[in-house]
Amino acid sequence: MPEFIDDATFGGYFRQFEHTAWRLETRRGYASDRASEKYARFLRGEVLGIEGSDWCTNVRTQTEKGKRFERVRLVDDPPTEGQRFLLASAASNNAAGEDIRNMRRAEADKLGLPAEDFWLFDSRLALLLHFDENDGYLGAELIEDPTRIVRYCQVRDAAWHYAARREEFLKQVRSHV
């Protein structure tokens, strides 16, 4: 079992990075999303507009300092309910300054991208996120090994190159969202 960092330490990485915070999201859904009121509103068919959150406040603060928040989300064909929720709710993150892009899972498989969720900070350290079989978050493992960091940088570069901006991706999957 990996050693997890504590939650307070986890949150600090999103304020202390110098240049880039980049994430790969590979799961078909997240238990934390399914437990939220926002998800319930999504299921009721309500339109998710631009909403504020502590996450978006920090993204705005950091991007105003010239830092970048970016992520690529893998999406199945057709998208799962959880992925449709993330596509709908990403508007708030984008409005705050986070650049969220999407890639079809089949394309990620062709590229050999790992089925791992991780954050990569300044191309020098990573947080590998662990989940249980029900998509419940278990904890984050700090990765500083240079060989693994280089691999995560390669994954980032490949994923970013082939991922589509949210608006473009939505045009491709409109019938499923």
C-alpha atoms as a PDB file:
ATOM      1  CA  MET A   1       0.000   0.000   0.000  1.00  0.00           C
ATOM      2  CA  PRO A   2       1.418   3.413  -0.937  1.00  0.00           C
ATOM      3  CA  GLU A   3       2.018   6.101   1.644  1.00  0.00           C
ATOM      4  CA  PHE A   4      -0.532   8.915   1.282  1.00  0.00           C
ATOM      5  CA  ILE A   5       0.096  12.566   2.058  1.00  0.00           C
ATOM      6  CA  ASP A   6      -2.359  14.315   4.359  1.00  0.00           C
ATOM      7  CA  ASP A   7      -5.167  16.444   2.937  1.00  0.00           C
ATOM      8  CA  ALA A   8      -3.690  19.747   4.148  1.00  0.00           C
ATOM      9  CA  THR A   9      -0.435  18.988   2.351  1.00  0.00           C
ATOM     10  CA  PHE A  10      -2.400  17.978  -0.763  1.00  0.00           C
ATOM     11  CA  GLY A  11      -4.149  21.344  -0.919  1.00  0.00           C
ATOM     12  CA  GLY A  12      -0.898  23.248  -0.511  1.00  0.00           C
ATOM     13  CA  TYR A  13       0.466  22.002  -3.821  1.00  0.00           C
ATOM     14  CA  PHE A  14      -2.223  23.965  -5.659  1.00  0.00           C
ATOM     15  CA  ARG A  15      -1.040  27.227  -4.159  1.00  0.00           C
ATOM     16  CA  GLN A  16       2.708  26.621  -3.978  1.00  0.00           C
ATOM     17  CA  PHE A  17       3.520  25.496  -7.524  1.00  0.00           C
ATOM     18  CA  GLU A  18       5.516  27.974  -9.589  1.00  0.00           C
ATOM     19  CA  HIS A  19       4.378  27.531 -13.197  1.00  0.00           C
ATOM     20  CA  THR A  20       2.065  24.635 -14.065  1.00  0.00           C
ATOM     21  CA  ALA A  21      -0.379  22.275 -12.420  1.00  0.00           C
ATOM     22  CA  TRP A  22      -1.461  19.608 -14.905  1.00  0.00           C
ATOM     23  CA  ARG A  23      -3.818  16.655 -14.433  1.00  0.00           C
ATOM     24  CA  LEU A  24      -4.776  13.500 -16.272  1.00  0.00           C
ATOM     25  CA  GLU A  25      -8.250  12.203 -15.368  1.00  0.00           C
ATOM     26  CA  THR A  26      -8.913   8.645 -16.471  1.00  0.00           C
ATOM     27  CA  ARG A  27     -11.851   7.442 -14.381  1.00  0.00           C
ATOM     28  CA  ARG A  28     -15.354   7.001 -15.742  1.00  0.00           C
ATOM     29  CA  GLY A  29     -16.764   8.859 -12.751  1.00  0.00           C
ATOM     30  CA  TYR A  30     -15.956   9.979  -9.224  1.00  0.00           C
ATOM     31  CA  ALA A  31     -17.826   9.139  -6.027  1.00  0.00           C
ATOM     32  CA  SER A  32     -17.249  12.671  -4.712  1.00  0.00           C
ATOM     33  CA  ASP A  33     -19.072  14.099  -7.741  1.00  0.00           C
ATOM     34  CA  ARG A  34     -21.990  11.691  -7.349  1.00  0.00           C
ATOM     35  CA  ALA A  35     -22.396  12.782  -3.717  1.00  0.00           C
ATOM     36  CA  SER A  36     -22.624  16.494  -4.573  1.00  0.00           C
ATOM     37  CA  GLU A  37     -25.675  18.717  -4.894  1.00  0.00           C
ATOM     38  CA  LYS A  38     -24.333  19.924  -8.244  1.00  0.00           C
ATOM     39  CA  TYR A  39     -24.469  16.349  -9.548  1.00  0.00           C
ATOM     40  CA  ALA A  40     -28.060  16.009  -8.301  1.00  0.00           C
ATOM     41  CA  ARG A  41     -28.972  19.191 -10.190  1.00  0.00           C
ATOM     42  CA  PHE A  42     -27.301  17.759 -13.300  1.00  0.00           C
ATOM     43  CA  LEU A  43     -29.342  14.554 -12.975  1.00  0.00           C
ATOM     44  CA  ARG A  44     -32.532  16.630 -12.718  1.00  0.00           C
ATOM     45  CA  GLY A  45     -31.648  18.196 -16.066  1.00  0.00           C
ATOM     46  CA  GLU A  46     -30.784  21.620 -14.701  1.00  0.00           C
ATOM     47  CA  VAL A  47     -28.295  23.643 -16.710  1.00  0.00           C
ATOM     48  CA  LEU A  48     -25.036  24.038 -14.815  1.00  0.00           C
ATOM     49  CA  GLY A  49     -23.977  27.626 -15.227  1.00  0.00           C
ATOM     50  CA  ILE A  50     -20.800  29.339 -14.139  1.00  0.00           C
ATOM     51  CA  GLU A  51     -20.528  28.750 -10.412  1.00  0.00           C
ATOM     52  CA  GLY A  52     -18.024  29.841  -7.819  1.00  0.00           C
ATOM     53  CA  SER A  53     -16.148  27.458  -5.548  1.00  0.00           C
ATOM     54  CA  ASP A  54     -13.020  27.474  -3.423  1.00  0.00           C
ATOM     55  CA  TRP A  55     -11.319  25.553  -6.254  1.00  0.00           C
ATOM     56  CA  CYS A  56     -12.264  28.187  -8.851  1.00  0.00           C
ATOM     57  CA  THR A  57     -11.234  31.019  -6.533  1.00  0.00           C
ATOM     58  CA  ASN A  58      -7.771  29.484  -6.169  1.00  0.00           C
ATOM     59  CA  VAL A  59      -7.503  28.812  -9.910  1.00  0.00           C
ATOM     60  CA  ARG A  60      -8.336  32.449 -10.614  1.00  0.00           C
ATOM     61  CA  THR A  61      -5.821  33.644  -7.997  1.00  0.00           C
ATOM     62  CA  GLN A  62      -3.039  31.461  -9.390  1.00  0.00           C
ATOM     63  CA  THR A  63      -3.725  32.162 -13.072  1.00  0.00           C
ATOM     64  CA  GLU A  64      -3.758  35.900 -12.370  1.00  0.00           C
ATOM     65  CA  LYS A  65      -0.158  35.392 -11.207  1.00  0.00           C
ATOM     66  CA  GLY A  66       0.670  33.869 -14.609  1.00  0.00           C
ATOM     67  CA  LYS A  67       0.496  30.230 -13.491  1.00  0.00           C
ATOM     68  CA  ARG A  68      -1.320  27.601 -15.570  1.00  0.00           C
ATOM     69  CA  PHE A  69      -3.922  25.035 -14.507  1.00  0.00           C
ATOM     70  CA  GLU A  70      -4.510  22.424 -17.209  1.00  0.00           C
ATOM     71  CA  ARG A  71      -6.039  18.961 -17.412  1.00  0.00           C
ATOM     72  CA  VAL A  72      -7.034  16.301 -19.889  1.00  0.00           C
ATOM     73  CA  ARG A  73     -10.058  14.134 -19.220  1.00  0.00           C
ATOM     74  CA  LEU A  74     -10.529  10.793 -20.943  1.00  0.00           C
ATOM     75  CA  VAL A  75     -14.049  10.249 -22.233  1.00  0.00           C
ATOM     76  CA  ASP A  76     -15.700   7.022 -23.338  1.00  0.00           C
ATOM     77  CA  ASP A  77     -17.880   6.653 -26.430  1.00  0.00           C
ATOM     78  CA  PRO A  78     -20.618   7.201 -25.467  1.00  0.00           C
ATOM     79  CA  PRO A  79     -19.681   9.235 -22.402  1.00  0.00           C
ATOM     80  CA  THR A  80     -20.643   7.812 -19.021  1.00  0.00           C
ATOM     81  CA  GLU A  81     -23.031   9.762 -16.807  1.00  0.00           C
ATOM     82  CA  GLY A  82     -20.054  10.903 -14.715  1.00  0.00           C
ATOM     83  CA  GLN A  83     -18.189  12.080 -17.803  1.00  0.00           C
ATOM     84  CA  ARG A  84     -21.252  13.946 -19.081  1.00  0.00           C
ATOM     85  CA  PHE A  85     -21.423  15.678 -15.694  1.00  0.00           C
ATOM     86  CA  LEU A  86     -17.755  16.684 -15.939  1.00  0.00           C
ATOM     87  CA  LEU A  87     -18.265  18.022 -19.473  1.00  0.00           C
ATOM     88  CA  ALA A  88     -21.211  20.092 -18.264  1.00  0.00           C
ATOM     89  CA  SER A  89     -19.573  21.355 -15.089  1.00  0.00           C
ATOM     90  CA  ALA A  90     -16.203  22.250 -16.652  1.00  0.00           C
ATOM     91  CA  ALA A  91     -17.557  25.629 -17.735  1.00  0.00           C
ATOM     92  CA  SER A  92     -16.984  26.995 -14.226  1.00  0.00           C
ATOM     93  CA  ASN A  93     -13.371  25.780 -14.167  1.00  0.00           C
ATOM     94  CA  ASN A  94     -12.722  27.202 -17.623  1.00  0.00           C
ATOM     95  CA  ALA A  95     -14.228  30.560 -16.648  1.00  0.00           C
ATOM     96  CA  ALA A  96     -11.869  30.675 -13.646  1.00  0.00           C
ATOM     97  CA  GLY A  97      -8.851  30.164 -15.930  1.00  0.00           C
ATOM     98  CA  GLU A  98      -8.346  26.400 -15.942  1.00  0.00           C
ATOM     99  CA  ASP A  99      -7.861  24.888 -19.399  1.00  0.00           C
ATOM    100  CA  ILE A 100      -9.701  21.556 -19.386  1.00  0.00           C
ATOM    101  CA  ARG A 101      -9.464  19.461 -22.533  1.00  0.00           C
ATOM    102  CA  ASN A 102     -10.907  16.096 -23.455  1.00  0.00           C
ATOM    103  CA  MET A 103      -9.758  13.029 -25.328  1.00  0.00           C
ATOM    104  CA  ARG A 104     -11.556   9.885 -26.333  1.00  0.00           C
ATOM    105  CA  ARG A 105     -10.434   6.876 -24.327  1.00  0.00           C
ATOM    106  CA  ALA A 106      -9.796   4.916 -27.543  1.00  0.00           C
ATOM    107  CA  GLU A 107      -7.268   7.564 -28.624  1.00  0.00           C
ATOM    108  CA  ALA A 108      -5.587   7.467 -25.211  1.00  0.00           C
ATOM    109  CA  ASP A 109      -5.335   3.682 -25.475  1.00  0.00           C
ATOM    110  CA  LYS A 110      -3.692   3.998 -28.929  1.00  0.00           C
ATOM    111  CA  LEU A 111      -1.170   6.407 -27.425  1.00  0.00           C
ATOM    112  CA  GLY A 112      -0.477   4.047 -24.527  1.00  0.00           C
ATOM    113  CA  LEU A 113      -1.518   6.548 -21.876  1.00  0.00           C
ATOM    114  CA  PRO A 114      -1.714   5.023 -18.386  1.00  0.00           C
ATOM    115  CA  ALA A 115      -4.997   4.450 -16.576  1.00  0.00           C
ATOM    116  CA  GLU A 116      -3.798   6.648 -13.714  1.00  0.00           C
ATOM    117  CA  ASP A 117      -5.138   9.899 -12.339  1.00  0.00           C
ATOM    118  CA  PHE A 118      -2.345  12.245 -11.381  1.00  0.00           C
ATOM    119  CA  TRP A 119      -1.398  15.874 -10.919  1.00  0.00           C
ATOM    120  CA  LEU A 120       1.984  16.995 -12.247  1.00  0.00           C
ATOM    121  CA  PHE A 121       3.476  20.182 -10.781  1.00  0.00           C
ATOM    122  CA  ASP A 122       6.172  22.194 -12.548  1.00  0.00           C
ATOM    123  CA  SER A 123       7.365  19.014 -14.324  1.00  0.00           C
ATOM    124  CA  ARG A 124       9.192  18.023 -11.156  1.00  0.00           C
ATOM    125  CA  LEU A 125       6.777  16.260  -8.790  1.00  0.00           C
ATOM    126  CA  ALA A 126       3.474  14.451  -9.071  1.00  0.00           C
ATOM    127  CA  LEU A 127       0.576  13.369  -6.918  1.00  0.00           C
ATOM    128  CA  LEU A 128      -0.719   9.966  -7.985  1.00  0.00           C
ATOM    129  CA  LEU A 129      -4.378   9.723  -6.956  1.00  0.00           C
ATOM    130  CA  HIS A 130      -5.693   6.398  -5.667  1.00  0.00           C
ATOM    131  CA  PHE A 131      -9.341   5.291  -5.786  1.00  0.00           C
ATOM    132  CA  ASP A 132     -11.302   2.256  -4.660  1.00  0.00           C
ATOM    133  CA  GLU A 133     -13.470   0.085  -6.907  1.00  0.00           C
ATOM    134  CA  ASN A 134     -16.435   2.434  -6.346  1.00  0.00           C
ATOM    135  CA  ASP A 135     -14.485   5.526  -7.487  1.00  0.00           C
ATOM    136  CA  GLY A 136     -13.996   6.713  -3.911  1.00  0.00           C
ATOM    137  CA  TYR A 137     -10.862   8.757  -3.347  1.00  0.00           C
ATOM    138  CA  LEU A 138      -8.410   6.949  -1.066  1.00  0.00           C
ATOM    139  CA  GLY A 139      -5.487   9.361  -1.045  1.00  0.00           C
ATOM    140  CA  ALA A 140      -2.594  10.893  -2.955  1.00  0.00           C
ATOM    141  CA  GLU A 141       0.894   9.461  -3.219  1.00  0.00           C
ATOM    142  CA  LEU A 142       3.752  11.944  -3.665  1.00  0.00           C
ATOM    143  CA  ILE A 143       5.996  10.984  -6.601  1.00  0.00           C
ATOM    144  CA  GLU A 144       9.431  12.598  -6.856  1.00  0.00           C
ATOM    145  CA  ASP A 145      11.387   9.844  -8.626  1.00  0.00           C
ATOM    146  CA  PRO A 146      12.907  11.509 -11.731  1.00  0.00           C
ATOM    147  CA  THR A 147      12.253   8.490 -13.969  1.00  0.00           C
ATOM    148  CA  ARG A 148       8.551   8.485 -13.116  1.00  0.00           C
ATOM    149  CA  ILE A 149       8.338  12.271 -13.447  1.00  0.00           C
ATOM    150  CA  VAL A 150       9.842  12.119 -16.941  1.00  0.00           C
ATOM    151  CA  ARG A 151       7.230   9.497 -17.868  1.00  0.00           C
ATOM    152  CA  TYR A 152       4.440  11.716 -16.514  1.00  0.00           C
ATOM    153  CA  CYS A 153       5.826  14.619 -18.566  1.00  0.00           C
ATOM    154  CA  GLN A 154       5.720  12.422 -21.680  1.00  0.00           C
ATOM    155  CA  VAL A 155       2.145  11.436 -20.883  1.00  0.00           C
ATOM    156  CA  ARG A 156       1.220  15.100 -20.425  1.00  0.00           C
ATOM    157  CA  ASP A 157       2.798  16.106 -23.721  1.00  0.00           C
ATOM    158  CA  ALA A 158       1.086  13.334 -25.696  1.00  0.00           C
ATOM    159  CA  ALA A 159      -2.302  13.849 -24.058  1.00  0.00           C
ATOM    160  CA  TRP A 160      -2.206  17.630 -24.446  1.00  0.00           C
ATOM    161  CA  HIS A 161      -1.241  17.364 -28.119  1.00  0.00           C
ATOM    162  CA  TYR A 162      -4.222  15.173 -28.998  1.00  0.00           C
ATOM    163  CA  ALA A 163      -6.855  16.528 -26.613  1.00  0.00           C
ATOM    164  CA  ALA A 164      -9.609  18.865 -27.775  1.00  0.00           C
ATOM    165  CA  ARG A 165     -10.779  22.000 -26.049  1.00  0.00           C
ATOM    166  CA  ARG A 166     -14.091  21.562 -24.249  1.00  0.00           C
ATOM    167  CA  GLU A 167     -16.137  23.543 -26.781  1.00  0.00           C
ATOM    168  CA  GLU A 168     -14.741  21.545 -29.727  1.00  0.00           C
ATOM    169  CA  PHE A 169     -15.186  18.264 -27.927  1.00  0.00           C
ATOM    170  CA  LEU A 170     -18.792  19.096 -27.028  1.00  0.00           C
ATOM    171  CA  LYS A 171     -19.554  19.490 -30.759  1.00  0.00           C
ATOM    172  CA  GLN A 172     -18.265  15.938 -31.290  1.00  0.00           C
ATOM    173  CA  VAL A 173     -20.348  14.400 -28.490  1.00  0.00           C
ATOM    174  CA  ARG A 174     -23.387  16.709 -28.503  1.00  0.00           C
ATOM    175  CA  SER A 175     -25.822  13.852 -29.072  1.00  0.00           C
ATOM    176  CA  HIS A 176     -24.597  12.095 -25.911  1.00  0.00           C
ATOM    177  CA  VAL A 177     -24.496  15.076 -23.561  1.00  0.00           C
END
